[in-house]
PDB file of all heavy atoms in Angstrom:
ATOM      1  N   LYS A   1     -41.182-124.562 107.188  1.00  0.00           N
ATOM      2  CA  LYS A   1     -41.305-123.351 107.962  1.00  0.00           C
ATOM      3  C   LYS A   1     -40.044-122.546 108.224  1.00  0.00           C
ATOM      4  O   LYS A   1     -39.796-121.985 109.262  1.00  0.00           O
ATOM      5  CB  LYS A   1     -41.960-123.667 109.371  1.00  0.00           C
ATOM      6  CG  LYS A   1     -43.375-124.194 109.239  1.00  0.00           C
ATOM      7  CD  LYS A   1     -43.902-124.586 110.575  1.00  0.00           C
ATOM      8  CE  LYS A   1     -45.337-125.061 110.495  1.00  0.00           C
ATOM      9  NZ  LYS A   1     -45.536-126.258 109.651  1.00  0.00           N
ATOM     10  N   ASP A   2     -39.149-122.543 107.191  1.00  0.00           N
ATOM     11  CA  ASP A   2     -37.868-121.749 107.234  1.00  0.00           C
ATOM     12  C   ASP A   2     -38.144-120.416 106.562  1.00  0.00           C
ATOM     13  O   ASP A   2     -37.760-120.273 105.359  1.00  0.00           O
ATOM     14  CB  ASP A   2     -36.825-122.591 106.624  1.00  0.00           C
ATOM     15  CG  ASP A   2     -35.400-121.895 106.707  1.00  0.00           C
ATOM     16  OD1 ASP A   2     -35.365-120.785 107.084  1.00  0.00           O
ATOM     17  OD2 ASP A   2     -34.477-122.497 106.133  1.00  0.00           O
ATOM     18  N   TYR A   3     -38.843-119.496 107.202  1.00  0.00           N
ATOM     19  CA  TYR A   3     -39.237-118.328 106.580  1.00  0.00           C
ATOM     20  C   TYR A   3     -38.106-117.347 106.329  1.00  0.00           C
ATOM     21  O   TYR A   3     -38.178-116.455 105.354  1.00  0.00           O
ATOM     22  CB  TYR A   3     -40.285-117.579 107.503  1.00  0.00           C
ATOM     23  CG  TYR A   3     -41.520-118.482 107.693  1.00  0.00           C
ATOM     24  CD1 TYR A   3     -42.115-118.508 109.026  1.00  0.00           C
ATOM     25  CD2 TYR A   3     -42.086-119.304 106.757  1.00  0.00           C
ATOM     26  CE1 TYR A   3     -43.206-119.362 109.244  1.00  0.00           C
ATOM     27  CE2 TYR A   3     -43.127-120.115 106.998  1.00  0.00           C
ATOM     28  CZ  TYR A   3     -43.692-120.155 108.249  1.00  0.00           C
ATOM     29  OH  TYR A   3     -44.729-120.916 108.511  1.00  0.00           O
ATOM     30  N   ILE A   4     -37.014-117.394 107.051  1.00  0.00           N
ATOM     31  CA  ILE A   4     -35.869-116.490 106.822  1.00  0.00           C
ATOM     32  C   ILE A   4     -35.266-116.746 105.492  1.00  0.00           C
ATOM     33  O   ILE A   4     -34.973-115.796 104.668  1.00  0.00           O
ATOM     34  CB  ILE A   4     -34.767-116.678 107.959  1.00  0.00           C
ATOM     35  CG1 ILE A   4     -35.371-116.174 109.210  1.00  0.00           C
ATOM     36  CG2 ILE A   4     -33.539-115.955 107.554  1.00  0.00           C
ATOM     37  CD1 ILE A   4     -34.390-116.436 110.461  1.00  0.00           C
ATOM     38  N   HIS A   5     -35.109-118.061 105.071  1.00  0.00           N
ATOM     39  CA  HIS A   5     -34.547-118.326 103.682  1.00  0.00           C
ATOM     40  C   HIS A   5     -35.537-118.093 102.613  1.00  0.00           C
ATOM     41  O   HIS A   5     -35.254-117.869 101.557  1.00  0.00           O
ATOM     42  CB  HIS A   5     -34.075-119.770 103.751  1.00  0.00           C
ATOM     43  CG  HIS A   5     -32.696-119.985 104.331  1.00  0.00           C
ATOM     44  ND1 HIS A   5     -32.522-120.198 105.722  1.00  0.00           N
ATOM     45  CD2 HIS A   5     -31.428-119.937 103.835  1.00  0.00           C
ATOM     46  CE1 HIS A   5     -31.248-120.308 105.974  1.00  0.00           C
ATOM     47  NE2 HIS A   5     -30.608-120.166 104.881  1.00  0.00           N
ATOM     48  N   VAL A   6     -36.822-118.224 103.015  1.00  0.00           N
ATOM     49  CA  VAL A   6     -37.824-117.745 101.974  1.00  0.00           C
ATOM     50  C   VAL A   6     -37.634-116.185 101.601  1.00  0.00           C
ATOM     51  O   VAL A   6     -37.596-115.849 100.452  1.00  0.00           O
ATOM     52  CB  VAL A   6     -39.282-117.908 102.476  1.00  0.00           C
ATOM     53  CG1 VAL A   6     -40.319-117.225 101.513  1.00  0.00           C
ATOM     54  CG2 VAL A   6     -39.599-119.421 102.744  1.00  0.00           C
ATOM     55  N   LYS A   7     -37.468-115.479 102.667  1.00  0.00           N
ATOM     56  CA  LYS A   7     -37.241-113.951 102.332  1.00  0.00           C
ATOM     57  C   LYS A   7     -35.986-113.735 101.598  1.00  0.00           C
ATOM     58  O   LYS A   7     -35.977-112.872 100.629  1.00  0.00           O
ATOM     59  CB  LYS A   7     -37.198-113.218 103.694  1.00  0.00           C
ATOM     60  CG  LYS A   7     -38.563-113.199 104.460  1.00  0.00           C
ATOM     61  CD  LYS A   7     -38.326-112.331 105.748  1.00  0.00           C
ATOM     62  CE  LYS A   7     -39.635-112.166 106.515  1.00  0.00           C
ATOM     63  NZ  LYS A   7     -39.472-111.377 107.718  1.00  0.00           N
ATOM     64  N   LYS A   8     -34.906-114.367 101.933  1.00  0.00           N
ATOM     65  CA  LYS A   8     -33.642-114.173 101.234  1.00  0.00           C
ATOM     66  C   LYS A   8     -33.718-114.618  99.801  1.00  0.00           C
ATOM     67  O   LYS A   8     -33.171-113.901  98.931  1.00  0.00           O
ATOM     68  CB  LYS A   8     -32.506-114.977 101.988  1.00  0.00           C
ATOM     69  CG  LYS A   8     -32.106-114.319 103.274  1.00  0.00           C
ATOM     70  CD  LYS A   8     -31.003-115.034 103.951  1.00  0.00           C
ATOM     71  CE  LYS A   8     -30.543-114.402 105.287  1.00  0.00           C
ATOM     72  NZ  LYS A   8     -29.337-115.019 105.903  1.00  0.00           N
ATOM     73  N   THR A   9     -34.435-115.676  99.530  1.00  0.00           N
ATOM     74  CA  THR A   9     -34.650-116.117  98.166  1.00  0.00           C
ATOM     75  C   THR A   9     -35.478-115.160  97.315  1.00  0.00           C
ATOM     76  O   THR A   9     -35.145-114.856  96.191  1.00  0.00           O
ATOM     77  CB  THR A   9     -35.353-117.470  98.100  1.00  0.00           C
ATOM     78  OG1 THR A   9     -34.579-118.459  98.895  1.00  0.00           O
ATOM     79  CG2 THR A   9     -35.521-118.037  96.709  1.00  0.00           C
ATOM     80  N   VAL A  10     -36.434-114.580  97.935  1.00  0.00           N
ATOM     81  CA  VAL A  10     -37.247-113.532  97.264  1.00  0.00           C
ATOM     82  C   VAL A  10     -36.467-112.318  97.001  1.00  0.00           C
ATOM     83  O   VAL A  10     -36.571-111.778  95.911  1.00  0.00           O
ATOM     84  CB  VAL A  10     -38.458-113.166  98.204  1.00  0.00           C
ATOM     85  CG1 VAL A  10     -39.253-111.973  97.603  1.00  0.00           C
ATOM     86  CG2 VAL A  10     -39.448-114.372  98.270  1.00  0.00           C
ATOM     87  N   THR A  11     -35.557-111.892  97.929  1.00  0.00           N
ATOM     88  CA  THR A  11     -34.699-110.679  97.663  1.00  0.00           C
ATOM     89  C   THR A  11     -33.809-110.924  96.492  1.00  0.00           C
ATOM     90  O   THR A  11     -33.694-110.045  95.572  1.00  0.00           O
ATOM     91  CB  THR A  11     -33.862-110.504  99.016  1.00  0.00           C
ATOM     92  OG1 THR A  11     -34.845-110.064 100.049  1.00  0.00           O
ATOM     93  CG2 THR A  11     -32.920-109.258  98.668  1.00  0.00           C
ATOM     94  N   LEU A  12     -33.196-112.064  96.435  1.00  0.00           N
ATOM     95  CA  LEU A  12     -32.289-112.375  95.362  1.00  0.00           C
ATOM     96  C   LEU A  12     -33.089-112.477  93.979  1.00  0.00           C
ATOM     97  O   LEU A  12     -32.595-111.938  92.970  1.00  0.00           O
ATOM     98  CB  LEU A  12     -31.605-113.714  95.577  1.00  0.00           C
ATOM     99  CG  LEU A  12     -30.456-114.098  94.657  1.00  0.00           C
ATOM    100  CD1 LEU A  12     -29.338-113.061  94.611  1.00  0.00           C
ATOM    101  CD2 LEU A  12     -29.815-115.527  95.155  1.00  0.00           C
ATOM    102  N   MET A  13     -34.267-113.063  94.054  1.00  0.00           N
ATOM    103  CA  MET A  13     -35.064-113.107  92.797  1.00  0.00           C
ATOM    104  C   MET A  13     -35.443-111.733  92.310  1.00  0.00           C
ATOM    105  O   MET A  13     -35.350-111.446  91.109  1.00  0.00           O
ATOM    106  CB  MET A  13     -36.330-113.899  93.191  1.00  0.00           C
ATOM    107  CG  MET A  13     -37.307-113.973  92.049  1.00  0.00           C
ATOM    108  SD  MET A  13     -39.024-114.461  92.705  1.00  0.00           S
ATOM    109  CE  MET A  13     -39.592-112.923  93.350  1.00  0.00           C
ATOM    110  N   LEU A  14     -35.821-110.748  93.200  1.00  0.00           N
ATOM    111  CA  LEU A  14     -36.238-109.456  92.763  1.00  0.00           C
ATOM    112  C   LEU A  14     -35.067-108.709  92.187  1.00  0.00           C
ATOM    113  O   LEU A  14     -35.236-107.902  91.210  1.00  0.00           O
ATOM    114  CB  LEU A  14     -36.805-108.671  93.925  1.00  0.00           C
ATOM    115  CG  LEU A  14     -38.232-109.237  94.400  1.00  0.00           C
ATOM    116  CD1 LEU A  14     -38.682-108.493  95.703  1.00  0.00           C
ATOM    117  CD2 LEU A  14     -39.264-109.010  93.287  1.00  0.00           C
ATOM    118  N   ARG A  15     -33.875-108.841  92.718  1.00  0.00           N
ATOM    119  CA  ARG A  15     -32.731-108.176  92.143  1.00  0.00           C
ATOM    120  C   ARG A  15     -32.498-108.703  90.767  1.00  0.00           C
ATOM    121  O   ARG A  15     -32.102-107.916  89.897  1.00  0.00           O
ATOM    122  CB  ARG A  15     -31.536-108.403  93.101  1.00  0.00           C
ATOM    123  CG  ARG A  15     -31.624-107.692  94.456  1.00  0.00           C
ATOM    124  CD  ARG A  15     -30.519-108.105  95.399  1.00  0.00           C
ATOM    125  NE  ARG A  15     -30.691-107.454  96.685  1.00  0.00           N
ATOM    126  CZ  ARG A  15     -29.863-107.689  97.755  1.00  0.00           C
ATOM    127  NH1 ARG A  15     -28.741-108.530  97.531  1.00  0.00           N
ATOM    128  NH2 ARG A  15     -30.112-107.166  98.950  1.00  0.00           N
ATOM    129  N   PHE A  16     -32.560-110.022  90.556  1.00  0.00           N
ATOM    130  CA  PHE A  16     -32.307-110.605  89.283  1.00  0.00           C
ATOM    131  C   PHE A  16     -33.257-110.166  88.245  1.00  0.00           C
ATOM    132  O   PHE A  16     -32.875-109.814  87.108  1.00  0.00           O
ATOM    133  CB  PHE A  16     -32.332-112.072  89.520  1.00  0.00           C
ATOM    134  CG  PHE A  16     -31.544-112.852  88.461  1.00  0.00           C
ATOM    135  CD1 PHE A  16     -30.903-112.254  87.429  1.00  0.00           C
ATOM    136  CD2 PHE A  16     -31.618-114.312  88.443  1.00  0.00           C
ATOM    137  CE1 PHE A  16     -30.172-112.951  86.404  1.00  0.00           C
ATOM    138  CE2 PHE A  16     -30.878-114.987  87.495  1.00  0.00           C
ATOM    139  CZ  PHE A  16     -30.171-114.293  86.453  1.00  0.00           C
ATOM    140  N   ILE A  17     -34.631-110.235  88.570  1.00  0.00           N
ATOM    141  CA  ILE A  17     -35.565-109.916  87.530  1.00  0.00           C
ATOM    142  C   ILE A  17     -35.591-108.397  87.253  1.00  0.00           C
ATOM    143  O   ILE A  17     -35.906-108.008  86.023  1.00  0.00           O
ATOM    144  CB  ILE A  17     -37.055-110.288  88.021  1.00  0.00           C
ATOM    145  CG1 ILE A  17     -38.020-110.301  86.835  1.00  0.00           C
ATOM    146  CG2 ILE A  17     -37.558-109.383  89.119  1.00  0.00           C
ATOM    147  CD1 ILE A  17     -37.651-111.258  85.767  1.00  0.00           C
ATOM    148  N   THR A  18     -35.191-107.583  88.195  1.00  0.00           N
ATOM    149  CA  THR A  18     -35.001-106.188  87.847  1.00  0.00           C
ATOM    150  C   THR A  18     -33.965-105.886  86.831  1.00  0.00           C
ATOM    151  O   THR A  18     -34.128-105.053  85.963  1.00  0.00           O
ATOM    152  CB  THR A  18     -34.794-105.320  89.093  1.00  0.00           C
ATOM    153  OG1 THR A  18     -35.904-105.520  90.035  1.00  0.00           O
ATOM    154  CG2 THR A  18     -34.626-103.793  88.819  1.00  0.00           C
ATOM    155  N   LEU A  19     -32.830-106.571  86.961  1.00  0.00           N
ATOM    156  CA  LEU A  19     -31.734-106.427  85.984  1.00  0.00           C
ATOM    157  C   LEU A  19     -32.191-106.924  84.542  1.00  0.00           C
ATOM    158  O   LEU A  19     -31.978-106.220  83.587  1.00  0.00           O
ATOM    159  CB  LEU A  19     -30.577-107.295  86.501  1.00  0.00           C
ATOM    160  CG  LEU A  19     -29.328-107.336  85.504  1.00  0.00           C
ATOM    161  CD1 LEU A  19     -28.759-106.008  85.277  1.00  0.00           C
ATOM    162  CD2 LEU A  19     -28.314-108.361  86.019  1.00  0.00           C
ATOM    163  N   ILE A  20     -32.878-108.032  84.467  1.00  0.00           N
ATOM    164  CA  ILE A  20     -33.305-108.596  83.204  1.00  0.00           C
ATOM    165  C   ILE A  20     -34.396-107.537  82.634  1.00  0.00           C
ATOM    166  O   ILE A  20     -34.339-107.323  81.388  1.00  0.00           O
ATOM    167  CB  ILE A  20     -33.980-109.953  83.380  1.00  0.00           C
ATOM    168  CG1 ILE A  20     -32.899-110.904  83.925  1.00  0.00           C
ATOM    169  CG2 ILE A  20     -34.667-110.393  82.124  1.00  0.00           C
ATOM    170  CD1 ILE A  20     -33.432-112.245  84.216  1.00  0.00           C
ATOM    171  N   ALA A  21     -35.290-107.041  83.477  1.00  0.00           N
ATOM    172  CA  ALA A  21     -36.296-106.131  82.873  1.00  0.00           C
ATOM    173  C   ALA A  21     -35.648-104.883  82.313  1.00  0.00           C
ATOM    174  O   ALA A  21     -36.134-104.392  81.314  1.00  0.00           O
ATOM    175  CB  ALA A  21     -37.197-105.752  84.109  1.00  0.00           C
ATOM    176  N   VAL A  22     -34.588-104.399  82.965  1.00  0.00           N
ATOM    177  CA  VAL A  22     -33.927-103.116  82.441  1.00  0.00           C
ATOM    178  C   VAL A  22     -33.376-103.356  81.117  1.00  0.00           C
ATOM    179  O   VAL A  22     -33.483-102.538  80.218  1.00  0.00           O
ATOM    180  CB  VAL A  22     -32.934-102.612  83.499  1.00  0.00           C
ATOM    181  CG1 VAL A  22     -32.119-101.558  82.836  1.00  0.00           C
ATOM    182  CG2 VAL A  22     -33.604-102.065  84.714  1.00  0.00           C
ATOM    183  N   VAL A  23     -32.767-104.543  80.982  1.00  0.00           N
ATOM    184  CA  VAL A  23     -32.143-104.831  79.697  1.00  0.00           C
ATOM    185  C   VAL A  23     -33.177-104.905  78.527  1.00  0.00           C
ATOM    186  O   VAL A  23     -32.996-104.408  77.470  1.00  0.00           O
ATOM    187  CB  VAL A  23     -31.278-106.199  79.774  1.00  0.00           C
ATOM    188  CG1 VAL A  23     -30.926-106.638  78.344  1.00  0.00           C
ATOM    189  CG2 VAL A  23     -30.144-106.074  80.680  1.00  0.00           C
ATOM    190  N   CYS A  24     -34.299-105.621  78.847  1.00  0.00           N
ATOM    191  CA  CYS A  24     -35.356-105.720  77.840  1.00  0.00           C
ATOM    192  C   CYS A  24     -35.958-104.425  77.563  1.00  0.00           C
ATOM    193  O   CYS A  24     -36.394-104.181  76.411  1.00  0.00           O
ATOM    194  CB  CYS A  24     -36.438-106.689  78.302  1.00  0.00           C
ATOM    195  SG  CYS A  24     -35.901-108.402  78.399  1.00  0.00           S
ATOM    196  N   MET A  25     -36.158-103.517  78.535  1.00  0.00           N
ATOM    197  CA  MET A  25     -36.714-102.251  78.316  1.00  0.00           C
ATOM    198  C   MET A  25     -35.800-101.370  77.275  1.00  0.00           C
ATOM    199  O   MET A  25     -36.272-100.756  76.436  1.00  0.00           O
ATOM    200  CB  MET A  25     -36.856-101.438  79.609  1.00  0.00           C
ATOM    201  CG  MET A  25     -37.880-101.998  80.594  1.00  0.00           C
ATOM    202  SD  MET A  25     -37.801-101.323  82.219  1.00  0.00           S
ATOM    203  CE  MET A  25     -38.326 -99.579  81.836  1.00  0.00           C
ATOM    204  N   LEU A  26     -34.522-101.462  77.490  1.00  0.00           N
ATOM    205  CA  LEU A  26     -33.578-100.764  76.639  1.00  0.00           C
ATOM    206  C   LEU A  26     -33.654-101.288  75.145  1.00  0.00           C
ATOM    207  O   LEU A  26     -33.587-100.548  74.271  1.00  0.00           O
ATOM    208  CB  LEU A  26     -32.106-100.885  77.102  1.00  0.00           C
ATOM    209  CG  LEU A  26     -31.857-100.194  78.480  1.00  0.00           C
ATOM    210  CD1 LEU A  26     -30.474-100.594  78.952  1.00  0.00           C
ATOM    211  CD2 LEU A  26     -31.991 -98.694  78.278  1.00  0.00           C
ATOM    212  N   LEU A  27     -33.788-102.662  75.024  1.00  0.00           N
ATOM    213  CA  LEU A  27     -33.879-103.249  73.667  1.00  0.00           C
ATOM    214  C   LEU A  27     -35.116-102.798  72.997  1.00  0.00           C
ATOM    215  O   LEU A  27     -35.131-102.521  71.838  1.00  0.00           O
ATOM    216  CB  LEU A  27     -33.766-104.801  73.739  1.00  0.00           C
ATOM    217  CG  LEU A  27     -32.528-105.406  74.214  1.00  0.00           C
ATOM    218  CD1 LEU A  27     -32.717-106.932  74.416  1.00  0.00           C
ATOM    219  CD2 LEU A  27     -31.449-105.128  73.041  1.00  0.00           C
ATOM    220  N   ALA A  28     -36.231-102.838  73.748  1.00  0.00           N
ATOM    221  CA  ALA A  28     -37.557-102.440  73.164  1.00  0.00           C
ATOM    222  C   ALA A  28     -37.593-100.899  72.793  1.00  0.00           C
ATOM    223  O   ALA A  28     -38.266-100.544  71.881  1.00  0.00           O
ATOM    224  CB  ALA A  28     -38.712-102.804  74.101  1.00  0.00           C
ATOM    225  N   ALA A  29     -36.990-100.172  73.596  1.00  0.00           N
ATOM    226  CA  ALA A  29     -36.953 -98.708  73.399  1.00  0.00           C
ATOM    227  C   ALA A  29     -36.121 -98.265  72.230  1.00  0.00           C
ATOM    228  O   ALA A  29     -36.402 -97.464  71.484  1.00  0.00           O
ATOM    229  CB  ALA A  29     -36.565 -98.017  74.672  1.00  0.00           C
ATOM    230  N   PHE A  30     -35.006 -98.911  72.112  1.00  0.00           N
ATOM    231  CA  PHE A  30     -33.966 -98.425  71.094  1.00  0.00           C
ATOM    232  C   PHE A  30     -33.801 -99.231  69.835  1.00  0.00           C
ATOM    233  O   PHE A  30     -33.232 -98.732  68.865  1.00  0.00           O
ATOM    234  CB  PHE A  30     -32.520 -98.176  71.772  1.00  0.00           C
ATOM    235  CG  PHE A  30     -32.600 -97.071  72.879  1.00  0.00           C
ATOM    236  CD1 PHE A  30     -32.648 -97.478  74.163  1.00  0.00           C
ATOM    237  CD2 PHE A  30     -32.698 -95.756  72.491  1.00  0.00           C
ATOM    238  CE1 PHE A  30     -32.585 -96.439  75.144  1.00  0.00           C
ATOM    239  CE2 PHE A  30     -32.785 -94.750  73.542  1.00  0.00           C
ATOM    240  CZ  PHE A  30     -32.736 -95.231  74.782  1.00  0.00           C
ATOM    241  N   PHE A  31     -34.212-100.526  69.972  1.00  0.00           N
ATOM    242  CA  PHE A  31     -33.977-101.515  68.875  1.00  0.00           C
ATOM    243  C   PHE A  31     -35.287-102.248  68.428  1.00  0.00           C
ATOM    244  O   PHE A  31     -35.166-103.423  68.122  1.00  0.00           O
ATOM    245  CB  PHE A  31     -32.857-102.524  69.096  1.00  0.00           C
ATOM    246  CG  PHE A  31     -31.595-101.778  69.590  1.00  0.00           C
ATOM    247  CD1 PHE A  31     -31.207-101.781  70.899  1.00  0.00           C
ATOM    248  CD2 PHE A  31     -30.724-101.178  68.656  1.00  0.00           C
ATOM    249  CE1 PHE A  31     -30.051-101.097  71.242  1.00  0.00           C
ATOM    250  CE2 PHE A  31     -29.568-100.530  69.057  1.00  0.00           C
ATOM    251  CZ  PHE A  31     -29.240-100.529  70.339  1.00  0.00           C
ATOM    252  N   PRO A  32     -36.470-101.525  68.444  1.00  0.00           N
ATOM    253  CA  PRO A  32     -37.647-102.285  68.147  1.00  0.00           C
ATOM    254  C   PRO A  32     -37.728-102.911  66.771  1.00  0.00           C
ATOM    255  O   PRO A  32     -38.288-104.009  66.542  1.00  0.00           O
ATOM    256  CB  PRO A  32     -38.783-101.270  68.360  1.00  0.00           C
ATOM    257  CG  PRO A  32     -38.073 -99.961  68.206  1.00  0.00           C
ATOM    258  CD  PRO A  32     -36.716-100.144  68.647  1.00  0.00           C
ATOM    259  N   GLN A  33     -37.241-102.165  65.771  1.00  0.00           N
ATOM    260  CA  GLN A  33     -37.282-102.621  64.405  1.00  0.00           C
ATOM    261  C   GLN A  33     -36.317-103.772  64.055  1.00  0.00           C
ATOM    262  O   GLN A  33     -36.626-104.723  63.455  1.00  0.00           O
ATOM    263  CB  GLN A  33     -36.907-101.514  63.437  1.00  0.00           C
ATOM    264  CG  GLN A  33     -37.899-100.306  63.312  1.00  0.00           C
ATOM    265  CD  GLN A  33     -37.598 -99.274  62.383  1.00  0.00           C
ATOM    266  OE1 GLN A  33     -36.438 -99.126  61.985  1.00  0.00           O
ATOM    267  NE2 GLN A  33     -38.599 -98.567  61.805  1.00  0.00           N
ATOM    268  N   THR A  34     -35.196-103.791  64.795  1.00  0.00           N
ATOM    269  CA  THR A  34     -34.267-104.873  64.711  1.00  0.00           C
ATOM    270  C   THR A  34     -34.926-106.108  65.327  1.00  0.00           C
ATOM    271  O   THR A  34     -34.877-107.207  64.764  1.00  0.00           O
ATOM    272  CB  THR A  34     -33.078-104.613  65.498  1.00  0.00           C
ATOM    273  OG1 THR A  34     -32.373-103.393  65.045  1.00  0.00           O
ATOM    274  CG2 THR A  34     -31.953-105.731  65.435  1.00  0.00           C
TER     275      THR A  34
END
């Protein structure tokens, strides 16, 4: 029942996955044939 640390973990997770998603979007948009 440590809900504060649940929230902080979710925040860190969302920041991380957003960064990864942006990188993959750029690769798919500009280098699909590669």
